[in-house]
Amino acid sequence: MDAEKVSNALRDRLARANPGDIVLAEPGTYYGPFEIPRGVSLKTTGDGSVKLVYDKPGFVVKMHSYDDPPTSIQDVEIESDASVAIMLVGDKDVVLNNLDVTCYKGFGLAAQDVASASLTNLRLSGHIDQADSVSYPIDPNTLPAVGMAFSSARNVQMSGVDVSGFAGFGAILNDTTGSWASSLIEDNIGVGVFLDGSDMTMNEVDIAHVENCKLISCSASNQVFALSATGGSSLTSSNLRIEENEGIGLLINESTGAFENLSVQDNSGAGVWLQDVSSQGERKGFSLKGESNTIAGNSGAALVVHSSDDIEIEDTTLSGTTLLPISTGEVSVTEWGDGIHAVELAGTIAMKRLQLANNERIGVLLSGSTEEEATVEIEEISITGSGTYGFRAQAGIERDATWDEELTIDETLEENDASLAEDLAITIPQSVMPSLGLVMDQGLIGNKGLIAETGELTGSFQIQNNGAIGETDAGE
């Protein structure tokens, strides 16, 4: 039987299936598109590989969610030169298990409104392996732009979900709740993982080798992020590793974060950047605890705390921060290389049992705000190594006499501190502050959304050079 007949036969069996039915595919290659009806499962017979392919605008596989039983797909390969490899629609449940998805354009997976999604052993691969092959704005009709996108989804449970080789975002989680565990996100361009208004737990996840595109039209490195949480997101993690990325490792912006055993190392921008962070209900603004936290080998700053409140950092090594030029105006540039750069403090920051070593400019800089008095708690902080300065409190933050018992500072650094007269806080223009936008007023999927119900991408959908996604003016 020829490929067209085999593919049509599979399509017909899926169309006639009822909730609870299992449709088995024999080994071979099948040409899409395919729709899996509510409550139907698509599996292989187990005798060999099954590959689903499609190379026209639209989707390769569209799954209509259902609650009893959930709609599912298992043990297949998907090769997509379509707009979207897998679409998940409806407000019920879906299960995806042991899938290899290769994308040459558009989205690997796009989902909206699902009530429950279980993803295990899912590999999403774009074909981008060279940052110099990407320029902005990115057209998803020609490049694999987004590995995975969930919008308004609940109870998304992911384990062993790896994402690599996409030109805009490894993953977008918008207004979504769930967890992500035991996974690798690597070799993407622009942004590794973007949370917008989402509540996520990430355990044993590695994010590595996010790059900026190398063309002159590309953004500055402070607009490239391994992991960004914004828009009121809540991010909780243990054993999260963010290493060897260009730009900022972890950005928490107008959101909350609780981390244990965090490793942020060897990123070419700041390691961790907290911006406009404060407590939300019972959630602390930002906490970093655990037996071992390491923020090391980053550029500019290990930890930036800007205009933030309710910050708690414990049992952490912040070391080896190298000098990095940063723009402070249209023509003005300065260099920073700080262990902790906390400025415009307007609330509480607690620092306990910290080791700061070999940060090239200063170990700890605390600078206050004109709007509100800051409260600083210090316990067992050691500042050593080859930096220029050790510890500086300024701009309304008075050095408490009791801190001397809690601070251990190398003699040379302490001598330099005593002779320091200048203000070390860096005034960063709003245009240079890290930012990431999401323009999705009409939703991700739908006739007015970024992706039509047919799976075709809307003509206005582009990714801008600040990482924004949506209409063509999203980055302006």
Protein backbone atom coordinates (compact mmCIF):
# COMPACT_ATOMS: atom_id res chain seq x y z
CA MET A 1 0.00 0.00 0.00
CA ASP A 2 1.44 3.41 -0.95
CA ALA A 3 2.21 6.17 1.57
CA GLU A 4 -0.87 8.24 0.72
CA LYS A 5 -3.24 5.32 1.23
CA VAL A 6 -1.55 4.30 4.49
CA SER A 7 -1.76 7.87 5.79
CA ASN A 8 -5.40 8.26 4.76
CA ALA A 9 -6.23 4.94 6.43
CA LEU A 10 -4.72 6.13 9.72
CA ARG A 11 -6.58 9.42 9.43
CA ASP A 12 -9.82 7.56 8.83
CA ARG A 13 -9.34 5.24 11.82
CA LEU A 14 -8.66 8.24 14.05
CA ALA A 15 -11.74 10.09 12.77
CA ARG A 16 -13.98 7.07 13.50
CA ALA A 17 -12.56 6.36 16.97
CA ASN A 18 -14.58 6.99 20.12
CA PRO A 19 -13.45 8.06 23.62
CA GLY A 20 -11.50 5.20 25.17
CA ASP A 21 -10.41 3.71 21.85
CA ILE A 22 -6.74 2.99 21.14
CA VAL A 23 -5.59 3.45 17.56
CA LEU A 24 -2.44 1.46 16.77
CA ALA A 25 -0.07 2.53 13.99
CA GLU A 26 2.15 0.00 12.23
CA PRO A 27 5.83 0.93 11.75
CA GLY A 28 6.35 3.39 8.91
CA THR A 29 6.07 7.02 7.84
CA TYR A 30 2.68 8.72 7.74
CA TYR A 31 1.93 12.04 6.07
CA GLY A 32 -0.29 14.47 7.99
CA PRO A 33 -2.09 16.35 9.14
CA PHE A 34 -3.70 14.18 11.84
CA GLU A 35 -6.35 14.95 14.43
CA ILE A 36 -6.74 12.83 17.54
CA PRO A 37 -10.35 13.06 18.74
CA ARG A 38 -11.39 13.49 22.37
CA GLY A 39 -10.43 10.59 24.62
CA VAL A 40 -8.63 8.64 21.87
CA SER A 41 -5.08 7.27 22.19
CA LEU A 42 -2.60 6.96 19.33
CA LYS A 43 0.18 4.41 19.88
CA THR A 44 2.50 2.19 17.89
CA THR A 45 2.20 -1.54 17.66
CA GLY A 46 5.66 -1.68 19.24
CA ASP A 47 7.23 -3.49 16.27
CA GLY A 48 9.25 -0.52 14.98
CA SER A 49 9.33 3.26 14.65
CA VAL A 50 6.35 5.35 13.59
CA LYS A 51 6.99 8.78 12.08
CA LEU A 52 4.37 11.45 11.43
CA VAL A 53 5.42 14.18 8.98
CA TYR A 54 3.90 17.27 7.36
CA ASP A 55 5.38 20.15 5.37
CA LYS A 56 2.55 22.62 4.77
CA PRO A 57 1.08 25.49 6.84
CA GLY A 58 -0.92 24.13 9.74
CA PHE A 59 -0.28 21.36 12.25
CA VAL A 60 1.14 17.85 12.06
CA VAL A 61 -0.93 16.58 15.01
CA LYS A 62 -3.90 18.25 16.69
CA MET A 63 -5.12 16.71 19.96
CA HIS A 64 -8.61 17.45 21.28
CA SER A 65 -8.42 17.17 25.06
CA TYR A 66 -10.80 14.98 27.09
CA ASP A 67 -11.14 14.04 30.75
CA ASP A 68 -12.23 10.40 30.89
CA PRO A 69 -9.97 9.09 29.50
CA PRO A 70 -7.51 11.84 28.52
CA THR A 71 -6.52 12.14 24.89
CA SER A 72 -3.04 10.69 24.42
CA ILE A 73 -0.18 10.01 22.04
CA GLN A 74 2.76 7.74 22.73
CA ASP A 75 5.98 6.33 21.22
CA VAL A 76 6.04 8.21 17.91
CA GLU A 77 8.40 10.51 16.03
CA ILE A 78 7.14 13.76 14.54
CA GLU A 79 8.98 15.67 11.83
CA SER A 80 7.48 19.07 11.21
CA ASP A 81 8.01 21.52 8.39
CA ALA A 82 4.55 22.79 9.25
CA SER A 83 3.60 25.77 11.41
CA VAL A 84 3.07 23.68 14.56
CA ALA A 85 4.16 20.12 15.23
CA ILE A 86 1.64 19.40 18.04
CA MET A 87 -1.43 21.46 18.95
CA LEU A 88 -3.35 20.82 22.17
CA VAL A 89 -6.85 22.33 22.27
CA GLY A 90 -9.89 22.21 24.52
CA ASP A 91 -10.23 22.59 28.28
CA LYS A 92 -9.78 18.93 29.29
CA ASP A 93 -6.80 16.56 29.70
CA VAL A 94 -3.99 15.28 27.49
CA VAL A 95 -1.09 12.84 27.87
CA LEU A 96 2.08 12.84 25.76
CA ASN A 97 4.69 10.15 26.37
CA ASN A 98 7.97 9.24 24.68
CA LEU A 99 7.91 11.51 21.66
CA ASP A 100 10.74 12.78 19.45
CA VAL A 101 9.73 16.02 17.74
CA THR A 102 11.92 17.71 15.13
CA CYS A 103 10.91 21.16 13.85
CA TYR A 104 12.15 23.12 10.87
CA LYS A 105 9.88 26.13 11.45
CA GLY A 106 7.25 27.52 13.80
CA PHE A 107 6.35 25.80 17.10
CA GLY A 108 7.22 22.41 18.45
CA LEU A 109 4.19 22.32 20.74
CA ALA A 110 1.40 24.86 21.34
CA ALA A 111 -1.36 24.47 23.93
CA GLN A 112 -4.15 26.65 25.28
CA ASP A 113 -6.74 26.18 28.03
CA VAL A 114 -5.98 22.55 28.80
CA ALA A 115 -7.05 21.52 32.32
CA SER A 116 -4.31 18.91 32.71
CA ALA A 117 -1.30 17.96 30.61
CA SER A 118 1.14 15.16 31.38
CA LEU A 119 4.35 15.27 29.33
CA THR A 120 7.03 12.63 29.90
CA ASN A 121 10.13 11.79 27.87
CA LEU A 122 9.45 14.42 25.23
CA ARG A 123 12.29 15.74 23.08
CA LEU A 124 11.67 18.96 21.14
CA SER A 125 14.45 19.81 18.68
CA GLY A 126 14.77 22.75 16.32
CA HIS A 127 17.52 22.78 13.71
CA ILE A 128 19.25 26.01 14.82
CA ASP A 129 22.84 25.29 15.83
CA GLN A 130 24.58 28.53 14.84
CA ALA A 131 23.68 31.88 16.40
CA ASP A 132 25.05 33.72 13.37
CA SER A 133 22.29 32.18 11.23
CA VAL A 134 19.59 34.12 13.13
CA SER A 135 18.51 37.74 12.76
CA TYR A 136 15.61 39.71 14.24
CA PRO A 137 12.70 39.96 13.91
CA ILE A 138 12.33 36.19 13.70
CA ASP A 139 9.74 34.89 11.25
CA PRO A 140 8.30 31.61 12.56
CA ASN A 141 7.24 30.78 9.01
CA THR A 142 10.88 30.24 8.12
CA LEU A 143 12.63 29.33 11.40
CA PRO A 144 11.89 27.07 14.36
CA ALA A 145 10.95 29.90 16.71
CA VAL A 146 9.42 28.37 19.86
CA GLY A 147 10.01 24.92 21.27
CA MET A 148 6.94 24.83 23.49
CA ALA A 149 4.20 27.30 24.43
CA PHE A 150 1.41 26.89 27.00
CA SER A 151 -1.21 29.59 27.57
CA SER A 152 -3.93 29.59 30.25
CA ALA A 153 -3.15 25.96 31.06
CA ARG A 154 -3.54 24.25 34.44
CA ASN A 155 -1.75 21.33 36.03
CA VAL A 156 0.97 20.96 33.40
CA GLN A 157 3.25 18.19 34.68
CA MET A 158 6.50 17.72 32.74
CA SER A 159 9.32 15.25 33.33
CA GLY A 160 12.15 14.48 30.95
CA VAL A 161 11.01 17.25 28.57
CA ASP A 162 14.11 18.49 26.71
CA VAL A 163 14.12 21.52 24.39
CA SER A 164 16.95 22.56 22.07
CA GLY A 165 17.73 24.41 18.86
CA PHE A 166 14.98 27.07 18.69
CA ALA A 167 15.57 30.62 17.50
CA GLY A 168 13.38 32.70 19.82
CA PHE A 169 12.25 30.81 22.93
CA GLY A 170 12.92 27.35 24.23
CA ALA A 171 9.65 27.52 26.16
CA ILE A 172 6.88 30.04 26.91
CA LEU A 173 4.59 29.45 29.89
CA ASN A 174 1.88 32.12 29.97
CA ASP A 175 -0.73 32.15 32.74
CA THR A 176 0.08 28.49 33.36
CA THR A 177 0.49 26.36 36.50
CA GLY A 178 2.45 23.15 36.89
CA SER A 179 5.87 21.59 37.33
CA TRP A 180 8.93 20.74 35.24
CA ALA A 181 11.49 18.17 36.36
CA SER A 182 14.58 16.25 35.22
CA SER A 183 14.95 18.12 31.94
CA LEU A 184 17.53 19.89 29.76
CA ILE A 185 16.94 23.15 27.90
CA GLU A 186 20.02 23.99 25.83
CA ASP A 187 21.37 25.54 22.63
CA ASN A 188 18.48 27.94 22.06
CA ILE A 189 18.80 31.52 20.79
CA GLY A 190 17.35 34.47 22.74
CA VAL A 191 15.47 33.05 25.74
CA GLY A 192 15.64 29.60 27.30
CA VAL A 193 12.44 29.62 29.41
CA PHE A 194 9.98 32.51 29.77
CA LEU A 195 7.34 32.55 32.52
CA ASP A 196 4.65 35.22 32.24
CA GLY A 197 2.03 35.29 34.99
CA SER A 198 2.69 31.61 35.70
CA ASP A 199 3.07 29.49 38.83
CA MET A 200 5.74 26.85 38.23
CA THR A 201 7.96 24.48 40.16
CA MET A 202 11.23 23.45 38.49
CA ASN A 203 13.32 20.63 39.97
CA GLU A 204 16.52 19.13 38.57
CA VAL A 205 16.33 21.28 35.43
CA ASP A 206 19.42 22.40 33.49
CA ILE A 207 19.37 25.51 31.26
CA ALA A 208 22.54 25.94 29.25
CA HIS A 209 24.05 27.57 26.17
CA VAL A 210 21.36 30.14 25.43
CA GLU A 211 22.95 32.51 22.92
CA ASN A 212 22.38 35.92 21.45
CA CYS A 213 22.23 36.12 17.69
CA LYS A 214 25.51 37.40 16.32
CA LEU A 215 24.29 39.83 13.67
CA ILE A 216 24.48 43.60 14.14
CA SER A 217 20.67 43.83 14.26
CA CYS A 218 20.51 41.74 17.42
CA SER A 219 19.81 42.92 20.94
CA ALA A 220 22.30 43.74 23.66
CA SER A 221 23.32 40.87 25.90
CA ASN A 222 21.15 42.12 28.77
CA GLN A 223 18.08 41.21 26.70
CA VAL A 224 19.10 37.56 26.46
CA PHE A 225 17.92 35.34 29.31
CA ALA A 226 18.35 31.72 30.26
CA LEU A 227 15.28 31.91 32.53
CA SER A 228 12.93 34.86 32.96
CA ALA A 229 9.94 35.12 35.31
CA THR A 230 7.78 38.22 34.94
CA GLY A 231 4.19 39.46 35.07
CA GLY A 232 3.42 38.27 38.60
CA SER A 233 4.88 34.78 38.16
CA SER A 234 5.75 32.53 41.10
CA LEU A 235 8.78 30.31 40.55
CA THR A 236 9.88 27.62 43.01
CA SER A 237 12.86 25.38 42.36
CA SER A 238 15.38 22.94 43.76
CA ASN A 239 18.62 21.88 42.11
CA LEU A 240 18.17 24.27 39.21
CA ARG A 241 21.31 24.78 37.14
CA ILE A 242 21.74 27.80 34.83
CA GLU A 243 25.17 27.67 33.27
CA GLU A 244 27.24 28.92 30.32
CA ASN A 245 24.61 31.20 28.80
CA GLU A 246 24.99 34.56 27.09
CA GLY A 247 23.23 37.46 28.79
CA ILE A 248 21.50 37.19 32.17
CA GLY A 249 21.17 33.79 33.80
CA LEU A 250 18.01 34.29 35.91
CA LEU A 251 15.69 37.32 35.79
CA ILE A 252 12.89 37.77 38.34
CA ASN A 253 10.86 40.85 37.40
CA GLU A 254 7.69 41.84 39.30
CA SER A 255 7.42 38.21 40.38
CA THR A 256 8.45 35.97 43.29
CA GLY A 257 11.02 33.21 43.56
CA ALA A 258 11.95 30.54 46.11
CA PHE A 259 15.10 28.54 45.36
CA GLU A 260 17.06 25.75 47.02
CA ASN A 261 20.47 24.51 45.89
CA LEU A 262 20.72 26.88 42.96
CA SER A 263 23.71 26.92 40.61
CA VAL A 264 24.15 29.93 38.29
CA GLN A 265 27.59 29.86 36.75
CA ASP A 266 29.64 31.19 33.84
CA ASN A 267 26.98 33.38 32.26
CA SER A 268 28.22 36.36 30.23
CA GLY A 269 25.77 38.75 31.92
CA ALA A 270 24.64 39.00 35.52
CA GLY A 271 24.00 35.69 37.24
CA VAL A 272 20.73 36.56 39.04
CA TRP A 273 18.81 39.82 38.51
CA LEU A 274 15.92 40.78 40.82
CA GLN A 275 13.88 43.76 39.66
CA ASP A 276 10.77 45.24 41.33
CA VAL A 277 10.44 42.09 43.44
CA SER A 278 8.31 42.07 46.58
CA SER A 279 6.15 39.65 48.54
CA GLN A 280 2.81 38.64 47.05
CA GLY A 281 0.36 37.38 49.67
CA GLU A 282 2.12 34.64 51.63
CA ARG A 283 4.92 34.37 49.08
CA LYS A 284 8.23 35.95 49.99
CA GLY A 285 9.69 38.24 47.37
CA PHE A 286 12.83 36.15 46.87
CA SER A 287 14.49 33.47 48.94
CA LEU A 288 17.65 31.49 48.28
CA LYS A 289 18.29 28.69 50.76
CA GLY A 290 19.54 25.13 50.93
CA GLU A 291 22.75 23.29 51.70
CA SER A 292 24.65 24.66 48.72
CA ASN A 293 24.01 27.62 46.41
CA THR A 294 26.61 28.83 43.94
CA ILE A 295 26.56 31.99 41.81
CA ALA A 296 30.01 32.07 40.24
CA GLY A 297 31.97 33.11 37.18
CA ASN A 298 29.35 35.51 35.82
CA SER A 299 29.99 38.99 34.37
CA GLY A 300 28.84 42.33 35.79
CA ALA A 301 27.26 40.99 38.98
CA ALA A 302 26.61 37.70 40.68
CA LEU A 303 23.38 39.06 42.19
CA VAL A 304 21.55 42.29 41.31
CA VAL A 305 18.79 43.49 43.63
CA HIS A 306 17.03 46.54 42.16
CA SER A 307 14.05 48.32 43.75
CA SER A 308 13.09 45.16 45.60
CA ASP A 309 11.81 44.13 49.04
CA ASP A 310 11.57 40.98 51.18
CA ILE A 311 14.81 39.40 49.94
CA GLU A 312 16.49 36.53 51.80
CA ILE A 313 19.82 34.99 50.74
CA GLU A 314 21.41 32.21 52.77
CA ASP A 315 24.28 29.70 52.50
CA THR A 316 25.50 30.96 49.14
CA THR A 317 28.87 31.38 47.46
CA LEU A 318 29.06 34.43 45.16
CA SER A 319 32.44 34.50 43.47
CA GLY A 320 34.56 35.20 40.43
CA THR A 321 32.44 38.01 38.96
CA THR A 322 34.36 39.62 36.09
CA LEU A 323 34.19 43.24 34.95
CA LEU A 324 31.57 44.03 32.33
CA PRO A 325 30.90 47.38 30.62
CA ILE A 326 27.37 48.69 31.14
CA SER A 327 25.72 51.72 29.57
CA THR A 328 24.63 54.41 32.04
CA GLY A 329 23.48 56.91 29.42
CA GLU A 330 23.60 57.69 25.73
CA VAL A 331 27.37 57.94 25.67
CA SER A 332 28.40 57.00 29.19
CA VAL A 333 29.73 53.53 29.96
CA THR A 334 31.13 52.17 33.20
CA GLU A 335 32.36 48.78 34.36
CA TRP A 336 31.01 46.66 37.15
CA GLY A 337 32.00 43.31 38.60
CA ASP A 338 30.11 42.95 41.89
CA GLY A 339 29.25 40.05 44.15
CA ILE A 340 26.02 41.65 45.39
CA HIS A 341 24.81 44.88 43.76
CA ALA A 342 21.74 45.94 45.78
CA VAL A 343 20.44 49.40 44.88
CA GLU A 344 17.27 51.43 45.38
CA LEU A 345 16.57 49.19 48.35
CA ALA A 346 13.15 49.99 49.76
CA GLY A 347 12.43 47.22 52.20
CA THR A 348 14.11 44.24 53.83
CA ILE A 349 17.15 42.31 52.65
CA ALA A 350 18.63 39.52 54.81
CA MET A 351 22.04 38.05 53.99
CA LYS A 352 23.23 35.09 56.06
CA ARG A 353 26.26 32.79 55.83
CA LEU A 354 27.60 34.09 52.55
CA GLN A 355 31.03 33.56 50.99
CA LEU A 356 32.11 36.30 48.54
CA ALA A 357 35.45 35.86 46.80
CA ASN A 358 37.32 37.36 43.86
CA ASN A 359 34.59 39.67 42.63
CA GLU A 360 36.55 42.18 40.57
CA ARG A 361 34.93 45.47 41.63
CA ILE A 362 33.29 44.95 45.04
CA GLY A 363 32.03 42.15 47.23
CA VAL A 364 28.82 43.76 48.56
CA LEU A 365 27.26 47.11 47.60
CA LEU A 366 24.15 48.30 49.46
CA SER A 367 22.52 51.52 48.30
CA GLY A 368 19.25 52.96 49.60
CA SER A 369 16.18 54.59 48.13
CA THR A 370 14.87 58.11 48.62
CA GLU A 371 11.33 56.75 48.92
CA GLU A 372 11.55 54.25 51.76
CA GLU A 373 14.02 53.23 54.44
CA ALA A 374 15.70 49.86 53.98
CA THR A 375 16.22 47.22 56.64
CA VAL A 376 19.41 45.17 56.30
CA GLU A 377 20.14 41.97 58.22
CA ILE A 378 23.68 40.57 58.11
CA GLU A 379 25.01 37.33 59.56
CA GLU A 380 28.37 35.66 58.92
CA ILE A 381 29.53 37.22 55.67
CA SER A 382 33.07 36.59 54.43
CA ILE A 383 34.58 38.79 51.69
CA THR A 384 37.96 37.74 50.32
CA GLY A 385 40.13 37.64 47.22
CA SER A 386 41.35 39.82 44.43
CA GLY A 387 38.61 42.45 44.09
CA THR A 388 39.09 46.20 44.53
CA TYR A 389 36.60 46.82 47.35
CA GLY A 390 34.97 44.69 50.00
CA PHE A 391 31.80 46.20 51.46
CA ARG A 392 30.01 49.51 50.91
CA ALA A 393 26.80 50.89 52.46
CA GLN A 394 25.64 54.25 51.05
CA ALA A 395 22.74 56.49 50.04
CA GLY A 396 20.77 56.30 53.26
CA ILE A 397 21.95 52.91 54.45
CA GLU A 398 24.06 53.42 57.54
CA ARG A 399 26.65 50.81 58.43
CA ASP A 400 25.47 49.32 61.71
CA ALA A 401 28.16 48.83 64.35
CA THR A 402 26.94 45.28 64.98
CA TRP A 403 27.79 44.35 61.39
CA ASP A 404 31.51 44.43 62.22
CA GLU A 405 31.06 41.25 64.22
CA GLU A 406 29.37 39.55 61.29
CA LEU A 407 31.69 40.75 58.48
CA THR A 408 35.06 39.20 57.76
CA ILE A 409 36.86 41.22 55.09
CA ASP A 410 40.39 40.84 53.71
CA GLU A 411 42.68 43.55 55.04
CA THR A 412 43.54 45.01 51.63
CA LEU A 413 39.89 45.26 50.65
CA GLU A 414 39.07 46.87 53.98
CA GLU A 415 41.79 49.48 53.46
CA ASN A 416 40.40 50.30 50.04
CA ASP A 417 36.91 50.59 51.54
CA ALA A 418 38.19 53.14 54.06
CA SER A 419 39.60 55.37 51.33
CA LEU A 420 36.56 55.15 49.06
CA ALA A 421 34.74 58.44 48.64
CA GLU A 422 32.69 57.93 45.49
CA ASP A 423 29.20 56.52 45.15
CA LEU A 424 29.45 53.06 43.57
CA ALA A 425 25.79 52.60 42.64
CA ILE A 426 25.23 52.39 38.90
CA THR A 427 22.28 54.32 37.52
CA ILE A 428 20.90 52.10 34.79
CA PRO A 429 18.62 53.86 32.28
CA GLN A 430 15.21 52.32 31.77
CA SER A 431 16.16 51.54 28.17
CA VAL A 432 18.99 49.32 29.41
CA MET A 433 17.08 47.59 32.21
CA PRO A 434 16.31 43.98 31.35
CA SER A 435 12.84 43.52 29.95
CA LEU A 436 10.80 40.91 28.17
CA GLY A 437 7.39 41.49 26.63
CA LEU A 438 4.51 39.24 25.67
CA VAL A 439 1.79 40.50 23.35
CA MET A 440 -0.95 37.90 23.33
CA ASP A 441 -4.17 39.80 24.00
CA GLN A 442 -6.20 37.49 21.75
CA GLY A 443 -4.67 34.29 23.08
CA LEU A 444 -2.19 31.79 21.71
CA ILE A 445 -4.60 29.65 19.70
CA GLY A 446 -7.77 30.87 18.03
CA ASN A 447 -8.93 32.71 14.97
CA LYS A 448 -7.63 35.99 16.46
CA GLY A 449 -4.68 34.45 18.28
CA LEU A 450 -1.09 33.99 17.23
CA ILE A 451 -2.00 30.55 15.87
CA ALA A 452 -5.25 29.95 14.02
CA GLU A 453 -7.41 26.90 14.75
CA THR A 454 -6.04 25.44 11.51
CA GLY A 455 -2.53 25.66 12.97
CA GLU A 456 -1.44 28.39 10.56
CA LEU A 457 0.51 31.30 12.03
CA THR A 458 -0.99 34.77 11.81
CA GLY A 459 0.72 37.21 9.49
CA SER A 460 1.52 39.66 12.31
CA PHE A 461 3.36 37.13 14.46
CA GLN A 462 7.03 38.01 14.91
CA ILE A 463 9.62 37.86 17.67
CA GLN A 464 11.35 41.18 18.26
CA ASN A 465 14.91 41.92 19.27
CA ASN A 466 13.96 42.40 22.93
CA GLY A 467 12.52 38.93 23.13
CA ALA A 468 8.93 40.16 22.82
CA ILE A 469 6.50 37.93 21.01
CA GLY A 470 3.34 39.03 19.26
CA GLU A 471 2.50 41.70 16.71
CA THR A 472 5.24 43.37 14.70
CA ASP A 473 5.33 46.42 16.98
CA ALA A 474 5.62 44.37 20.18
CA GLY A 475 9.14 45.49 20.92
CA GLU A 476 8.57 49.19 20.40
